[in-house]
N, C-alpha and C. Protein backbone atom coordinates (compact mmCIF):
# COMPACT_ATOMS: atom_id res chain seq x y z
N MET A 1 5.30 -25.10 -23.08
CA MET A 1 5.26 -23.62 -23.01
C MET A 1 6.65 -23.10 -23.39
N ASP A 2 6.71 -22.02 -24.16
CA ASP A 2 8.00 -21.47 -24.50
C ASP A 2 8.76 -20.96 -23.31
N GLU A 3 9.96 -20.62 -23.48
CA GLU A 3 10.78 -20.15 -22.35
C GLU A 3 10.95 -18.62 -22.28
N ALA A 4 9.99 -17.91 -22.89
CA ALA A 4 10.00 -16.45 -22.81
C ALA A 4 9.96 -16.06 -21.37
N GLU A 5 10.45 -14.83 -21.07
CA GLU A 5 10.45 -14.30 -19.77
C GLU A 5 9.03 -14.14 -19.21
N VAL A 6 8.87 -14.44 -17.93
CA VAL A 6 7.59 -14.26 -17.31
C VAL A 6 7.59 -12.86 -16.67
N VAL A 7 6.56 -12.08 -16.90
CA VAL A 7 6.45 -10.75 -16.40
C VAL A 7 5.34 -10.77 -15.32
N ILE A 8 5.72 -10.39 -14.09
CA ILE A 8 4.82 -10.28 -12.97
C ILE A 8 4.49 -8.80 -12.77
N ALA A 9 3.22 -8.44 -12.78
CA ALA A 9 2.86 -7.04 -12.64
C ALA A 9 1.44 -6.90 -12.14
N ALA A 10 1.17 -5.76 -11.46
CA ALA A 10 -0.17 -5.42 -11.11
C ALA A 10 -0.90 -5.10 -12.45
N GLU A 11 -2.17 -5.51 -12.52
CA GLU A 11 -2.89 -5.32 -13.80
C GLU A 11 -4.38 -5.11 -13.50
N SER A 12 -5.02 -4.36 -14.32
CA SER A 12 -6.48 -4.21 -14.23
C SER A 12 -7.06 -4.33 -15.62
N GLY A 13 -8.34 -4.46 -15.72
CA GLY A 13 -8.99 -4.52 -17.01
C GLY A 13 -8.70 -5.81 -17.75
N ILE A 14 -8.51 -6.89 -17.11
CA ILE A 14 -8.20 -8.14 -17.77
C ILE A 14 -9.46 -8.67 -18.46
N PRO A 15 -9.37 -8.97 -19.73
CA PRO A 15 -10.54 -9.44 -20.46
C PRO A 15 -11.06 -10.76 -19.85
N VAL A 16 -12.37 -10.88 -19.76
CA VAL A 16 -12.97 -12.08 -19.14
C VAL A 16 -12.62 -13.34 -19.91
N ASP A 17 -12.42 -13.25 -21.25
CA ASP A 17 -12.09 -14.45 -21.98
C ASP A 17 -10.74 -15.02 -21.56
N GLU A 18 -9.80 -14.10 -21.21
CA GLU A 18 -8.48 -14.58 -20.71
C GLU A 18 -8.65 -15.19 -19.36
N LEU A 19 -9.49 -14.59 -18.48
CA LEU A 19 -9.75 -15.15 -17.17
C LEU A 19 -10.35 -16.51 -17.26
N LEU A 20 -11.31 -16.72 -18.12
CA LEU A 20 -11.97 -17.99 -18.31
C LEU A 20 -10.99 -19.07 -18.71
N VAL A 21 -10.07 -18.77 -19.59
CA VAL A 21 -9.06 -19.77 -20.01
C VAL A 21 -8.20 -20.14 -18.85
N LEU A 22 -7.70 -19.19 -18.06
CA LEU A 22 -6.81 -19.47 -16.92
C LEU A 22 -7.56 -20.22 -15.87
N TYR A 23 -8.71 -19.72 -15.41
CA TYR A 23 -9.45 -20.37 -14.36
C TYR A 23 -9.95 -21.77 -14.82
N GLY A 24 -10.31 -21.88 -16.07
CA GLY A 24 -10.69 -23.21 -16.61
C GLY A 24 -9.56 -24.19 -16.62
N SER A 25 -8.36 -23.70 -16.85
CA SER A 25 -7.17 -24.59 -16.94
C SER A 25 -6.90 -25.27 -15.67
N VAL A 26 -7.33 -24.70 -14.53
CA VAL A 26 -7.12 -25.33 -13.21
C VAL A 26 -8.40 -25.94 -12.65
N GLY A 27 -9.46 -25.93 -13.52
CA GLY A 27 -10.71 -26.64 -13.11
C GLY A 27 -11.55 -25.86 -12.11
N TRP A 28 -11.44 -24.53 -12.03
CA TRP A 28 -12.21 -23.77 -11.09
C TRP A 28 -13.54 -23.37 -11.69
N SER A 29 -14.41 -24.38 -11.81
CA SER A 29 -15.70 -24.21 -12.48
C SER A 29 -16.67 -23.31 -11.70
N ALA A 30 -16.47 -23.18 -10.41
CA ALA A 30 -17.32 -22.24 -9.64
C ALA A 30 -17.18 -20.83 -10.21
N TYR A 31 -16.06 -20.52 -10.75
CA TYR A 31 -15.80 -19.21 -11.39
C TYR A 31 -16.21 -19.21 -12.83
N THR A 32 -15.84 -20.25 -13.57
CA THR A 32 -16.07 -20.24 -15.03
C THR A 32 -17.55 -20.46 -15.39
N ASP A 33 -18.31 -20.99 -14.45
CA ASP A 33 -19.75 -21.21 -14.73
C ASP A 33 -20.51 -19.86 -14.76
N SER A 34 -19.91 -18.82 -14.18
CA SER A 34 -20.52 -17.51 -14.16
C SER A 34 -19.52 -16.48 -14.60
N PRO A 35 -19.30 -16.35 -15.88
CA PRO A 35 -18.29 -15.39 -16.38
C PRO A 35 -18.49 -13.93 -15.90
N GLU A 36 -19.73 -13.51 -15.80
CA GLU A 36 -20.00 -12.14 -15.37
C GLU A 36 -19.57 -11.93 -13.87
N VAL A 37 -19.78 -12.93 -13.07
CA VAL A 37 -19.37 -12.89 -11.66
C VAL A 37 -17.83 -12.95 -11.56
N LEU A 38 -17.21 -13.77 -12.37
CA LEU A 38 -15.74 -13.83 -12.37
C LEU A 38 -15.17 -12.46 -12.80
N GLY A 39 -15.71 -11.83 -13.85
CA GLY A 39 -15.22 -10.55 -14.27
C GLY A 39 -15.36 -9.48 -13.19
N ALA A 40 -16.55 -9.53 -12.52
CA ALA A 40 -16.79 -8.54 -11.42
C ALA A 40 -15.87 -8.80 -10.21
N ALA A 41 -15.61 -10.04 -9.89
CA ALA A 41 -14.77 -10.39 -8.78
C ALA A 41 -13.35 -9.91 -9.01
N VAL A 42 -12.82 -10.13 -10.16
CA VAL A 42 -11.43 -9.72 -10.48
C VAL A 42 -11.37 -8.20 -10.55
N ALA A 43 -12.40 -7.58 -11.19
CA ALA A 43 -12.41 -6.05 -11.29
C ALA A 43 -12.52 -5.44 -9.95
N GLY A 44 -13.23 -6.09 -9.00
CA GLY A 44 -13.49 -5.52 -7.68
C GLY A 44 -12.38 -5.74 -6.67
N ALA A 45 -11.36 -6.50 -7.06
CA ALA A 45 -10.27 -6.80 -6.12
C ALA A 45 -9.45 -5.50 -5.81
N SER A 46 -8.87 -5.47 -4.65
CA SER A 46 -8.00 -4.36 -4.29
C SER A 46 -6.73 -4.37 -5.09
N LEU A 47 -6.23 -5.54 -5.39
CA LEU A 47 -5.02 -5.73 -6.17
C LEU A 47 -5.12 -7.03 -6.94
N VAL A 48 -4.75 -6.99 -8.22
CA VAL A 48 -4.62 -8.15 -9.05
C VAL A 48 -3.24 -8.15 -9.61
N VAL A 49 -2.51 -9.21 -9.41
CA VAL A 49 -1.14 -9.41 -9.90
C VAL A 49 -1.23 -10.52 -10.92
N THR A 50 -0.66 -10.31 -12.10
CA THR A 50 -0.68 -11.31 -13.16
C THR A 50 0.72 -11.77 -13.48
N ALA A 51 0.78 -12.92 -14.05
CA ALA A 51 1.99 -13.47 -14.68
C ALA A 51 1.71 -13.67 -16.15
N ARG A 52 2.51 -13.05 -16.97
CA ARG A 52 2.36 -13.26 -18.41
C ARG A 52 3.68 -13.71 -19.02
N ARG A 53 3.54 -14.63 -19.91
CA ARG A 53 4.69 -15.14 -20.65
C ARG A 53 4.36 -14.92 -22.11
N GLY A 54 5.21 -14.12 -22.78
CA GLY A 54 4.96 -13.84 -24.16
C GLY A 54 3.60 -13.16 -24.36
N GLY A 55 3.11 -12.40 -23.37
CA GLY A 55 1.84 -11.75 -23.43
C GLY A 55 0.63 -12.62 -23.01
N LYS A 56 0.85 -13.91 -22.86
CA LYS A 56 -0.22 -14.81 -22.50
C LYS A 56 -0.34 -14.88 -20.97
N LEU A 57 -1.59 -14.79 -20.50
CA LEU A 57 -1.88 -14.90 -19.08
C LEU A 57 -1.63 -16.32 -18.60
N VAL A 58 -0.65 -16.49 -17.70
CA VAL A 58 -0.33 -17.84 -17.21
C VAL A 58 -0.49 -17.96 -15.68
N GLY A 59 -0.78 -16.83 -15.04
CA GLY A 59 -0.97 -16.86 -13.61
C GLY A 59 -1.60 -15.61 -13.07
N LEU A 60 -2.23 -15.72 -11.90
CA LEU A 60 -2.92 -14.57 -11.32
C LEU A 60 -3.07 -14.78 -9.82
N ALA A 61 -2.95 -13.71 -9.10
CA ALA A 61 -3.26 -13.65 -7.67
C ALA A 61 -4.05 -12.36 -7.41
N ARG A 62 -5.05 -12.44 -6.59
CA ARG A 62 -5.81 -11.24 -6.26
C ARG A 62 -5.98 -11.12 -4.75
N ALA A 63 -6.09 -9.88 -4.30
CA ALA A 63 -6.20 -9.59 -2.89
C ALA A 63 -7.35 -8.63 -2.64
N LEU A 64 -7.96 -8.71 -1.48
CA LEU A 64 -8.96 -7.79 -0.98
C LEU A 64 -8.40 -7.22 0.29
N SER A 65 -8.32 -5.88 0.38
CA SER A 65 -7.66 -5.32 1.60
C SER A 65 -8.19 -3.93 1.87
N ASP A 66 -8.07 -3.53 3.15
CA ASP A 66 -8.37 -2.18 3.50
C ASP A 66 -7.04 -1.35 3.45
N GLY A 67 -5.94 -2.06 3.21
CA GLY A 67 -4.65 -1.40 3.13
C GLY A 67 -4.01 -1.03 4.46
N ALA A 68 -4.71 -1.34 5.55
CA ALA A 68 -4.22 -0.92 6.86
C ALA A 68 -4.13 -2.06 7.86
N THR A 69 -5.23 -2.85 7.94
CA THR A 69 -5.26 -3.88 9.02
C THR A 69 -5.47 -5.31 8.48
N ILE A 70 -5.99 -5.49 7.30
CA ILE A 70 -6.31 -6.81 6.84
C ILE A 70 -6.08 -6.95 5.32
N CYS A 71 -5.56 -8.13 4.93
CA CYS A 71 -5.41 -8.45 3.53
C CYS A 71 -5.82 -9.91 3.32
N TYR A 72 -6.83 -10.07 2.48
CA TYR A 72 -7.25 -11.45 2.16
C TYR A 72 -6.61 -11.82 0.83
N LEU A 73 -5.84 -12.84 0.83
CA LEU A 73 -5.27 -13.37 -0.43
C LEU A 73 -6.30 -14.32 -1.02
N GLN A 74 -6.83 -13.94 -2.14
CA GLN A 74 -7.91 -14.68 -2.78
C GLN A 74 -7.50 -15.06 -4.13
N ASP A 75 -7.51 -16.31 -4.46
CA ASP A 75 -7.17 -16.84 -5.78
C ASP A 75 -5.67 -16.68 -6.10
N VAL A 76 -4.98 -17.77 -6.04
CA VAL A 76 -3.60 -17.87 -6.55
C VAL A 76 -3.66 -19.04 -7.49
N LEU A 77 -3.49 -18.73 -8.77
CA LEU A 77 -3.56 -19.85 -9.74
C LEU A 77 -2.55 -19.65 -10.86
N VAL A 78 -2.00 -20.80 -11.31
CA VAL A 78 -1.03 -20.84 -12.37
C VAL A 78 -1.48 -21.89 -13.38
N HIS A 79 -1.44 -21.56 -14.62
CA HIS A 79 -1.76 -22.50 -15.66
C HIS A 79 -0.92 -23.77 -15.47
N PRO A 80 -1.51 -24.96 -15.62
CA PRO A 80 -0.74 -26.19 -15.41
C PRO A 80 0.52 -26.31 -16.28
N THR A 81 0.54 -25.71 -17.45
CA THR A 81 1.74 -25.79 -18.27
C THR A 81 2.92 -24.94 -17.71
N ALA A 82 2.60 -24.13 -16.72
CA ALA A 82 3.58 -23.21 -16.14
C ALA A 82 3.88 -23.57 -14.68
N HIS A 83 3.40 -24.72 -14.22
CA HIS A 83 3.66 -25.12 -12.84
C HIS A 83 5.15 -25.40 -12.58
N ARG A 84 5.54 -25.33 -11.34
CA ARG A 84 6.90 -25.67 -10.85
C ARG A 84 7.99 -24.77 -11.48
N ARG A 85 7.65 -23.51 -11.69
CA ARG A 85 8.59 -22.55 -12.23
C ARG A 85 8.75 -21.31 -11.33
N GLY A 86 8.11 -21.37 -10.15
CA GLY A 86 8.23 -20.27 -9.21
C GLY A 86 7.25 -19.11 -9.48
N ILE A 87 6.33 -19.33 -10.38
CA ILE A 87 5.39 -18.30 -10.74
C ILE A 87 4.37 -18.04 -9.59
N GLY A 88 3.84 -19.09 -9.00
CA GLY A 88 2.91 -18.93 -7.89
C GLY A 88 3.60 -18.18 -6.73
N ARG A 89 4.84 -18.55 -6.39
CA ARG A 89 5.60 -17.86 -5.34
C ARG A 89 5.76 -16.40 -5.70
N ALA A 90 6.11 -16.10 -6.94
CA ALA A 90 6.31 -14.70 -7.32
C ALA A 90 5.01 -13.90 -7.22
N LEU A 91 3.92 -14.52 -7.60
CA LEU A 91 2.63 -13.84 -7.49
C LEU A 91 2.28 -13.47 -6.04
N VAL A 92 2.41 -14.47 -5.17
CA VAL A 92 2.09 -14.23 -3.76
C VAL A 92 3.08 -13.23 -3.14
N GLU A 93 4.34 -13.33 -3.45
CA GLU A 93 5.29 -12.37 -2.89
C GLU A 93 5.00 -10.96 -3.40
N ALA A 94 4.53 -10.77 -4.62
CA ALA A 94 4.14 -9.46 -5.12
C ALA A 94 2.96 -8.91 -4.30
N VAL A 95 1.99 -9.72 -3.98
CA VAL A 95 0.87 -9.30 -3.15
C VAL A 95 1.38 -8.93 -1.75
N LEU A 96 2.13 -9.85 -1.16
CA LEU A 96 2.63 -9.60 0.19
C LEU A 96 3.52 -8.35 0.29
N ASP A 97 4.28 -8.09 -0.77
CA ASP A 97 5.15 -6.91 -0.79
C ASP A 97 4.26 -5.63 -0.78
N ARG A 98 3.23 -5.64 -1.56
CA ARG A 98 2.33 -4.46 -1.62
C ARG A 98 1.68 -4.21 -0.24
N TYR A 99 1.37 -5.27 0.51
CA TYR A 99 0.71 -5.14 1.78
C TYR A 99 1.63 -5.47 2.99
N ARG A 100 2.91 -5.24 2.81
CA ARG A 100 3.83 -5.59 3.88
C ARG A 100 3.55 -4.92 5.23
N ALA A 101 3.00 -3.76 5.22
CA ALA A 101 2.69 -3.06 6.51
C ALA A 101 1.40 -3.55 7.17
N VAL A 102 0.62 -4.36 6.48
CA VAL A 102 -0.65 -4.88 7.02
C VAL A 102 -0.33 -6.09 7.88
N ARG A 103 -0.86 -6.11 9.09
CA ARG A 103 -0.52 -7.15 10.04
C ARG A 103 -1.19 -8.47 9.72
N GLN A 104 -2.47 -8.47 9.43
CA GLN A 104 -3.20 -9.74 9.18
C GLN A 104 -3.28 -10.05 7.71
N LYS A 105 -2.77 -11.19 7.34
CA LYS A 105 -2.87 -11.66 5.97
C LYS A 105 -3.52 -13.01 6.00
N VAL A 106 -4.66 -13.15 5.45
CA VAL A 106 -5.50 -14.32 5.59
C VAL A 106 -5.79 -14.96 4.23
N LEU A 107 -5.90 -16.27 4.14
CA LEU A 107 -6.33 -16.95 2.93
C LEU A 107 -7.10 -18.18 3.30
N LEU A 108 -7.95 -18.58 2.39
CA LEU A 108 -8.75 -19.81 2.50
C LEU A 108 -8.43 -20.56 1.25
N THR A 109 -8.01 -21.86 1.45
CA THR A 109 -7.64 -22.67 0.28
C THR A 109 -8.16 -24.07 0.39
N ASP A 110 -8.13 -24.74 -0.71
CA ASP A 110 -8.55 -26.20 -0.72
C ASP A 110 -7.55 -27.01 0.03
N ASP A 111 -8.05 -28.14 0.48
CA ASP A 111 -7.17 -29.11 1.19
C ASP A 111 -6.59 -30.08 0.16
N GLU A 112 -5.69 -29.58 -0.61
CA GLU A 112 -5.01 -30.40 -1.63
C GLU A 112 -3.57 -30.64 -1.27
N PRO A 113 -3.03 -31.78 -1.65
CA PRO A 113 -1.63 -32.06 -1.34
C PRO A 113 -0.71 -30.94 -1.86
N GLY A 114 0.20 -30.54 -1.09
CA GLY A 114 1.15 -29.50 -1.49
C GLY A 114 0.72 -28.09 -1.10
N GLN A 115 -0.55 -27.85 -0.85
CA GLN A 115 -1.00 -26.50 -0.54
C GLN A 115 -0.38 -26.01 0.81
N ARG A 116 -0.39 -26.88 1.84
CA ARG A 116 0.12 -26.53 3.13
C ARG A 116 1.60 -26.11 3.05
N ALA A 117 2.41 -26.96 2.42
CA ALA A 117 3.80 -26.71 2.30
C ALA A 117 4.10 -25.43 1.53
N PHE A 118 3.35 -25.23 0.46
CA PHE A 118 3.52 -24.01 -0.35
C PHE A 118 3.26 -22.74 0.50
N TYR A 119 2.13 -22.72 1.12
CA TYR A 119 1.79 -21.49 1.88
C TYR A 119 2.65 -21.34 3.16
N GLU A 120 3.01 -22.41 3.78
CA GLU A 120 3.94 -22.31 4.93
C GLU A 120 5.30 -21.77 4.47
N SER A 121 5.74 -22.11 3.27
CA SER A 121 7.03 -21.58 2.81
C SER A 121 6.97 -20.12 2.57
N LEU A 122 5.75 -19.52 2.45
CA LEU A 122 5.53 -18.14 2.30
C LEU A 122 5.21 -17.40 3.61
N GLY A 123 5.29 -18.12 4.75
CA GLY A 123 5.08 -17.54 6.03
C GLY A 123 3.67 -17.71 6.60
N TYR A 124 2.83 -18.35 5.89
CA TYR A 124 1.46 -18.61 6.42
C TYR A 124 1.47 -19.81 7.33
N ALA A 125 0.50 -19.88 8.26
CA ALA A 125 0.36 -21.04 9.16
C ALA A 125 -1.16 -21.33 9.25
N GLU A 126 -1.47 -22.59 9.40
CA GLU A 126 -2.87 -22.94 9.59
C GLU A 126 -3.34 -22.41 10.94
N ILE A 127 -4.63 -22.03 10.99
CA ILE A 127 -5.20 -21.43 12.22
C ILE A 127 -4.93 -22.27 13.41
N ARG A 128 -5.07 -23.62 13.28
CA ARG A 128 -4.85 -24.50 14.43
C ARG A 128 -3.43 -24.51 14.91
N ASP A 129 -2.50 -24.02 14.13
CA ASP A 129 -1.10 -23.97 14.54
C ASP A 129 -0.75 -22.71 15.38
N HIS A 130 -1.74 -21.86 15.65
CA HIS A 130 -1.49 -20.66 16.38
C HIS A 130 -1.73 -20.86 17.90
N GLY A 131 -1.95 -22.08 18.32
CA GLY A 131 -2.13 -22.39 19.75
C GLY A 131 -3.56 -22.64 20.11
N SER A 132 -3.76 -23.35 21.15
CA SER A 132 -5.06 -23.78 21.59
C SER A 132 -5.90 -22.57 21.98
N GLY A 133 -7.01 -22.34 21.28
CA GLY A 133 -7.95 -21.33 21.58
C GLY A 133 -7.53 -19.89 21.28
N ALA A 134 -6.31 -19.75 20.71
CA ALA A 134 -5.82 -18.39 20.42
C ALA A 134 -6.61 -17.70 19.31
N LEU A 135 -7.01 -18.42 18.29
CA LEU A 135 -7.71 -17.86 17.16
C LEU A 135 -8.81 -18.83 16.73
N ARG A 136 -9.82 -18.29 16.15
CA ARG A 136 -10.89 -19.10 15.51
C ARG A 136 -11.07 -18.60 14.09
N CYS A 137 -11.44 -19.47 13.25
CA CYS A 137 -11.76 -19.10 11.87
C CYS A 137 -13.14 -19.54 11.52
N PHE A 138 -13.92 -18.69 10.87
CA PHE A 138 -15.26 -19.03 10.46
C PHE A 138 -15.41 -18.72 8.99
N VAL A 139 -16.20 -19.52 8.35
CA VAL A 139 -16.49 -19.31 6.91
C VAL A 139 -17.96 -19.60 6.66
N ARG A 140 -18.53 -18.88 5.73
CA ARG A 140 -19.92 -19.16 5.36
C ARG A 140 -20.02 -19.11 3.83
N PHE A 141 -20.59 -20.07 3.22
CA PHE A 141 -20.85 -20.12 1.77
C PHE A 141 -22.31 -20.03 1.54
N ASP A 142 -22.77 -19.05 0.72
CA ASP A 142 -24.17 -18.94 0.36
C ASP A 142 -24.25 -19.22 -1.11
N ASP A 143 -25.46 -19.54 -1.56
CA ASP A 143 -25.66 -19.78 -3.01
C ASP A 143 -25.85 -18.56 -3.85
N GLY A 144 -25.76 -17.39 -3.22
CA GLY A 144 -25.85 -16.14 -3.97
C GLY A 144 -27.25 -15.57 -4.05
N ILE A 145 -28.25 -16.35 -3.61
CA ILE A 145 -29.64 -15.87 -3.68
C ILE A 145 -29.93 -15.19 -2.34
N GLN A 146 -30.33 -13.96 -2.39
CA GLN A 146 -30.64 -13.22 -1.14
C GLN A 146 -32.15 -13.10 -0.97
N ASP A 147 -32.53 -13.16 0.29
CA ASP A 147 -33.94 -12.97 0.62
C ASP A 147 -34.26 -11.47 0.59
N ARG A 148 -34.92 -11.08 -0.49
CA ARG A 148 -35.16 -9.63 -0.68
C ARG A 148 -36.32 -9.13 0.19
N HIS A 149 -37.04 -10.03 0.85
CA HIS A 149 -38.15 -9.62 1.67
C HIS A 149 -37.77 -9.34 3.10
N ARG A 150 -36.60 -9.77 3.47
CA ARG A 150 -36.16 -9.57 4.87
C ARG A 150 -35.49 -8.20 4.98
N SER A 151 -35.86 -7.47 6.03
CA SER A 151 -35.20 -6.19 6.26
C SER A 151 -34.36 -6.28 7.48
N HIS A 152 -33.35 -5.42 7.53
CA HIS A 152 -32.49 -5.41 8.68
C HIS A 152 -32.58 -4.05 9.31
N VAL A 153 -33.07 -3.97 10.55
CA VAL A 153 -33.24 -2.73 11.24
C VAL A 153 -32.26 -2.75 12.42
N ILE A 154 -31.53 -1.71 12.57
CA ILE A 154 -30.57 -1.57 13.68
C ILE A 154 -31.07 -0.43 14.54
N GLY A 155 -31.12 -0.67 15.84
CA GLY A 155 -31.55 0.35 16.76
C GLY A 155 -32.78 -0.04 17.52
N PRO A 156 -33.24 0.83 18.38
CA PRO A 156 -34.43 0.49 19.18
C PRO A 156 -35.65 0.36 18.30
N PRO A 157 -36.59 -0.46 18.74
CA PRO A 157 -37.84 -0.67 17.93
C PRO A 157 -38.71 0.55 17.89
């Protein structure tokens, strides 16, 4: 990769073909298998921060937040040809700077070597490191198919 300056900036309207190349470069097929879902996910984020070198998309971080109490850091990825250059750190710091007044900053990530050290260096801690019984974390993954016949009624019968 050339040594052109990397520009980190908030961005919207990123073409899906650029997203597919970036997400594909890191093997995130759960996203690339459904381009329309990937486009909607990125477009629906509260904040998308990109890294571009010579105009080419080489990194991205996105967040979902109410801007007051919670910020979910979702997707931090850097093209493999641009690894170990501080781009991931710059992307996360740009998101954290935008939401610095928000108390809870949460992320869910794969259990890959280096992930823990990277996120700890940015001030994150694993849920189990917050003390015995102090916090719990739950996650649910669905296949995206919803039961359209089930209704949800709230209130007295």
